[in-house]
Amino acid sequence: MFESTATGKNGWLTAILIFIVPILFIFFLGSQMAYSQVKSKFEPYQNIPEVSSLSTLESISAGQVVMLRGQISEATLQRDSHELTSDLVIFQVRPADGREVRFQEEFPLVFPEFMMELPDGTITIRPSSTRARVIYDELHRISVGEYEPTGFKIGDTVTVQGRWQPRATNAGAAPALLDVTGVTGGDKASLIATWHSAFQKVSWGRNILGLLTILGLILLIVQLRRAQRNQSQEENGTWQSQTTKTVPTT
């Protein structure tokens, strides 16, 4: 009876492991892919120069990706006054705390072209027209009925990332930062810290899933060998009982 119960438990454990181990392996492969993607973006991200003056920008070659930190200029009021909502120039509309999101409800993100004031001049910030725009670490949160726009106002110090375009002397065009996809209230150091934290979490998740996959695989191999050994012993016992003959007494 005890052997039958133990065999039944081993069979259930083996079946569960056969089901779980492939799932763990799939999750491990997914975490490995996420780790590789985060790593591939994190490493070059660290090498992007952070600039805070026009003179430094002018010493950089055209087309290079830079992180530019400065103030949202008052000139933005004249350029994009139709975009302003409750004094926010750049903002993401969010639902008020505690309010449920309605079916198919959308929350607009307003990220227009704006002017950035640097200590030695002004530069145009032109958002990307082909890639999604993101705002992060907003400095202001206001309440407008059942909505809470969060974003940035005139005079706020922000950081943007884009491709540097020097002043075109032949056309008289102002210098600009092109293909900007994001704006944040933090600086490069805070962004690196955020990326590093995400990188660490993905790394820990990958390591844990890898360890669980290996342990599950080892346990599955042990269970399969144990089941094979038990089956072999049962077959030997059956063969011996069949070949044993009773000698009649005289």
Protein backbone atom coordinates (compact mmCIF):
# COMPACT_ATOMS: atom_id res chain seq x y z
CA MET A 1 0.00 0.00 0.00
CA PHE A 2 2.81 2.42 0.93
CA GLU A 3 4.73 1.64 -2.27
CA SER A 4 1.60 2.18 -4.36
CA THR A 5 0.95 5.57 -2.72
CA ALA A 6 4.58 6.65 -3.20
CA THR A 7 4.49 5.54 -6.82
CA GLY A 8 1.31 7.53 -7.36
CA LYS A 9 2.84 10.65 -5.83
CA ASN A 10 5.95 10.27 -7.95
CA GLY A 11 3.78 9.91 -11.05
CA TRP A 12 1.86 13.10 -10.24
CA LEU A 13 5.06 14.98 -9.52
CA THR A 14 6.57 13.80 -12.80
CA ALA A 15 3.47 14.86 -14.72
CA ILE A 16 3.48 18.31 -13.08
CA LEU A 17 7.17 18.76 -13.86
CA ILE A 18 6.66 17.72 -17.49
CA PHE A 19 4.01 20.44 -17.71
CA ILE A 20 5.85 23.18 -15.78
CA VAL A 21 9.44 22.86 -17.03
CA PRO A 22 8.66 23.79 -20.68
CA ILE A 23 6.62 26.78 -19.46
CA LEU A 24 9.51 27.92 -17.26
CA PHE A 25 11.86 27.52 -20.20
CA ILE A 26 9.61 29.66 -22.43
CA PHE A 27 9.45 32.39 -19.77
CA PHE A 28 13.23 32.18 -19.38
CA LEU A 29 13.71 32.69 -23.12
CA GLY A 30 11.36 35.69 -22.97
CA SER A 31 13.26 37.19 -20.05
CA GLN A 32 16.54 36.60 -21.90
CA MET A 33 15.20 38.49 -24.91
CA ALA A 34 14.01 41.34 -22.67
CA TYR A 35 17.42 41.40 -20.98
CA SER A 36 19.20 41.61 -24.33
CA GLN A 37 16.93 44.41 -25.53
CA VAL A 38 17.32 46.47 -22.36
CA LYS A 39 21.09 45.93 -22.41
CA SER A 40 21.37 46.91 -26.09
CA LYS A 41 19.54 50.19 -25.38
CA PHE A 42 21.11 50.91 -22.00
CA GLU A 43 24.76 50.72 -23.06
CA PRO A 44 24.63 53.24 -25.96
CA TYR A 45 22.27 55.41 -23.90
CA GLN A 46 25.05 55.99 -21.39
CA ASN A 47 27.28 57.40 -24.15
CA ILE A 48 24.84 60.09 -25.30
CA PRO A 49 26.34 63.48 -24.34
CA GLU A 50 24.33 65.79 -22.09
CA VAL A 51 24.51 69.41 -23.23
CA SER A 52 23.23 72.59 -21.60
CA SER A 53 24.62 75.38 -23.79
CA LEU A 54 24.43 76.44 -27.41
CA SER A 55 28.20 76.88 -27.64
CA THR A 56 28.73 73.23 -26.70
CA LEU A 57 26.16 72.16 -29.27
CA GLU A 58 27.91 74.10 -32.01
CA SER A 59 31.08 72.10 -31.38
CA ILE A 60 29.19 68.84 -32.03
CA SER A 61 28.84 67.42 -35.51
CA ALA A 62 25.46 67.66 -37.24
CA GLY A 63 23.15 64.69 -36.87
CA GLN A 64 24.62 63.49 -33.58
CA VAL A 65 22.11 62.44 -30.91
CA VAL A 66 22.37 64.56 -27.77
CA MET A 67 20.49 65.14 -24.54
CA LEU A 68 19.74 68.83 -24.17
CA ARG A 69 18.76 70.41 -20.87
CA GLY A 70 17.31 73.90 -20.63
CA GLN A 71 14.22 75.98 -19.88
CA ILE A 72 11.00 76.10 -21.87
CA SER A 73 11.19 79.58 -23.39
CA GLU A 74 8.50 82.24 -23.18
CA ALA A 75 8.73 82.44 -26.97
CA THR A 76 6.72 79.21 -26.98
CA LEU A 77 3.66 81.23 -26.00
CA GLN A 78 3.79 83.12 -29.28
CA ARG A 79 4.51 80.04 -31.40
CA ASP A 80 1.99 77.56 -29.96
CA SER A 81 -0.56 79.56 -27.99
CA HIS A 82 -3.38 77.42 -29.44
CA GLU A 83 -1.89 74.34 -27.74
CA LEU A 84 -1.91 75.75 -24.22
CA THR A 85 -4.26 74.23 -21.65
CA SER A 86 -4.27 75.45 -18.04
CA ASP A 87 -0.77 76.94 -18.47
CA LEU A 88 0.69 73.57 -19.47
CA VAL A 89 2.67 73.68 -22.70
CA ILE A 90 3.48 69.96 -22.83
CA PHE A 91 1.13 67.60 -21.02
CA GLN A 92 -0.47 64.17 -20.79
CA VAL A 93 -4.16 64.03 -19.92
CA ARG A 94 -4.91 61.41 -17.25
CA PRO A 95 -8.07 60.36 -15.42
CA ALA A 96 -8.60 61.81 -11.96
CA ASP A 97 -7.59 59.57 -9.06
CA GLY A 98 -10.25 56.99 -8.34
CA ARG A 99 -12.13 57.47 -11.61
CA GLU A 100 -12.60 54.39 -13.76
CA VAL A 101 -11.51 54.53 -17.36
CA ARG A 102 -14.49 54.37 -19.69
CA PHE A 103 -14.74 51.95 -22.60
CA GLN A 104 -12.51 53.07 -25.51
CA GLU A 105 -11.66 56.29 -23.68
CA GLU A 106 -8.50 57.96 -24.95
CA PHE A 107 -6.24 60.41 -23.16
CA PRO A 108 -4.38 62.80 -25.45
CA LEU A 109 -0.71 63.65 -25.15
CA VAL A 110 0.16 67.19 -26.29
CA PHE A 111 3.81 67.55 -27.26
CA PRO A 112 4.15 70.41 -29.77
CA GLU A 113 7.23 72.09 -31.16
CA PHE A 114 8.61 74.53 -28.61
CA MET A 115 11.53 76.85 -27.91
CA MET A 116 14.19 76.03 -25.33
CA GLU A 117 16.14 78.78 -23.60
CA LEU A 118 19.82 78.09 -22.97
CA PRO A 119 22.28 80.36 -21.12
CA ASP A 120 23.75 81.58 -24.44
CA GLY A 121 20.84 81.38 -26.87
CA THR A 122 17.56 79.80 -27.94
CA ILE A 123 16.99 76.57 -29.86
CA THR A 124 13.95 75.05 -31.53
CA ILE A 125 12.77 71.66 -30.26
CA ARG A 126 10.97 69.70 -32.99
CA PRO A 127 9.20 66.50 -31.97
CA SER A 128 9.35 63.42 -34.19
CA SER A 129 6.54 63.13 -36.72
CA THR A 130 6.92 59.36 -37.14
CA ARG A 131 7.62 57.99 -33.66
CA ALA A 132 5.50 58.00 -30.50
CA ARG A 133 6.08 60.91 -28.13
CA VAL A 134 6.56 60.39 -24.40
CA ILE A 135 6.68 62.69 -21.38
CA TYR A 136 8.22 61.53 -18.12
CA ASP A 137 8.79 62.81 -14.59
CA GLU A 138 6.30 65.66 -15.03
CA LEU A 139 6.71 68.71 -12.81
CA HIS A 140 3.05 69.78 -12.56
CA ARG A 141 -0.28 68.07 -11.93
CA ILE A 142 -3.50 70.04 -12.16
CA SER A 143 -7.16 69.14 -11.78
CA VAL A 144 -9.62 69.89 -14.56
CA GLY A 145 -12.95 68.29 -13.66
CA GLU A 146 -12.60 64.54 -13.92
CA TYR A 147 -9.20 64.82 -15.60
CA GLU A 148 -5.70 65.49 -14.25
CA PRO A 149 -3.29 66.80 -16.90
CA THR A 150 0.36 66.40 -15.92
CA GLY A 151 3.22 68.13 -17.67
CA PHE A 152 5.40 71.22 -17.99
CA LYS A 153 4.92 74.99 -18.02
CA ILE A 154 6.84 77.95 -19.39
CA GLY A 155 10.08 78.39 -17.45
CA ASP A 156 10.40 74.73 -16.41
CA THR A 157 13.81 73.13 -16.79
CA VAL A 158 13.49 69.97 -18.86
CA THR A 159 15.65 67.46 -20.75
CA VAL A 160 14.99 66.32 -24.32
CA GLN A 161 16.81 63.94 -26.65
CA GLY A 162 17.17 64.42 -30.39
CA ARG A 163 19.42 64.95 -33.39
CA TRP A 164 21.41 68.18 -33.45
CA GLN A 165 20.93 70.43 -36.47
CA PRO A 166 23.28 73.45 -36.54
CA ARG A 167 22.29 76.83 -37.84
CA ALA A 168 22.14 76.87 -41.65
CA THR A 169 24.14 79.98 -42.52
CA ASN A 170 23.11 79.99 -46.15
CA ALA A 171 19.38 79.81 -45.37
CA GLY A 172 19.41 81.67 -42.09
CA ALA A 173 17.52 78.87 -40.31
CA ALA A 174 17.71 78.75 -36.52
CA PRO A 175 19.49 75.82 -34.83
CA ALA A 176 17.19 72.97 -33.79
CA LEU A 177 16.97 69.59 -32.17
CA LEU A 178 15.14 67.19 -34.50
CA ASP A 179 13.21 63.93 -34.06
CA VAL A 180 12.66 64.51 -30.36
CA THR A 181 10.53 61.72 -28.89
CA GLY A 182 10.54 62.52 -25.19
CA VAL A 183 10.78 65.23 -22.57
CA THR A 184 11.46 64.77 -18.87
CA GLY A 185 11.85 66.93 -15.81
CA GLY A 186 14.90 64.96 -14.74
CA ASP A 187 18.48 65.05 -15.99
CA LYS A 188 20.66 62.37 -17.54
CA ALA A 189 21.77 61.04 -14.15
CA SER A 190 18.17 60.39 -13.04
CA LEU A 191 17.35 58.77 -16.38
CA ILE A 192 20.40 56.51 -16.14
CA ALA A 193 19.35 55.56 -12.61
CA THR A 194 15.88 54.65 -13.86
CA TRP A 195 17.30 52.59 -16.73
CA HIS A 196 19.76 50.89 -14.38
CA SER A 197 16.93 49.98 -11.99
CA ALA A 198 14.91 48.49 -14.87
CA PHE A 199 18.02 46.65 -16.09
CA GLN A 200 18.60 45.17 -12.63
CA LYS A 201 14.98 43.99 -12.33
CA VAL A 202 15.09 42.31 -15.73
CA SER A 203 18.44 40.75 -14.85
CA TRP A 204 17.15 39.39 -11.54
CA GLY A 205 14.01 38.05 -13.23
CA ARG A 206 16.07 36.31 -15.88
CA ASN A 207 18.40 34.76 -13.30
CA ILE A 208 15.53 33.51 -11.13
CA LEU A 209 13.68 32.00 -14.09
CA GLY A 210 16.92 30.39 -15.30
CA LEU A 211 17.56 28.87 -11.86
CA LEU A 212 14.00 27.58 -11.57
CA THR A 213 14.23 26.07 -15.06
CA ILE A 214 17.49 24.27 -14.23
CA LEU A 215 16.15 23.00 -10.87
CA GLY A 216 12.93 21.83 -12.51
CA LEU A 217 14.87 20.05 -15.24
CA ILE A 218 17.15 18.31 -12.72
CA LEU A 219 14.17 17.22 -10.62
CA LEU A 220 12.39 15.96 -13.72
CA ILE A 221 15.43 13.87 -14.72
CA VAL A 222 15.62 12.42 -11.19
CA GLN A 223 11.92 11.56 -11.25
CA LEU A 224 12.16 9.94 -14.68
CA ARG A 225 15.14 7.84 -13.62
CA ARG A 226 13.37 6.85 -10.42
CA ALA A 227 10.27 5.84 -12.36
CA GLN A 228 12.45 3.90 -14.81
CA ARG A 229 14.18 2.10 -11.93
CA ASN A 230 10.87 1.25 -10.27
CA GLN A 231 9.49 -0.06 -13.54
CA SER A 232 12.60 -2.19 -14.01
CA GLN A 233 12.27 -3.61 -10.49
CA GLU A 234 8.60 -4.41 -11.07
CA GLU A 235 9.40 -6.18 -14.33
CA ASN A 236 12.16 -8.21 -12.64
CA GLY A 237 9.81 -9.16 -9.81
CA THR A 238 7.12 -10.24 -12.26
CA TRP A 239 9.62 -12.31 -14.26
CA GLN A 240 10.91 -14.04 -11.13
CA SER A 241 7.39 -14.89 -9.95
CA GLN A 242 6.54 -16.34 -13.35
CA THR A 243 9.69 -18.49 -13.56
CA THR A 244 9.46 -19.83 -10.01
CA LYS A 245 7.93 -23.35 -9.91
CA THR A 246 6.50 -25.19 -6.96
CA VAL A 247 8.22 -28.54 -6.37
CA PRO A 248 5.60 -31.21 -5.35
CA THR A 249 6.32 -33.18 -2.20
CA THR A 250 6.28 -37.01 -2.22
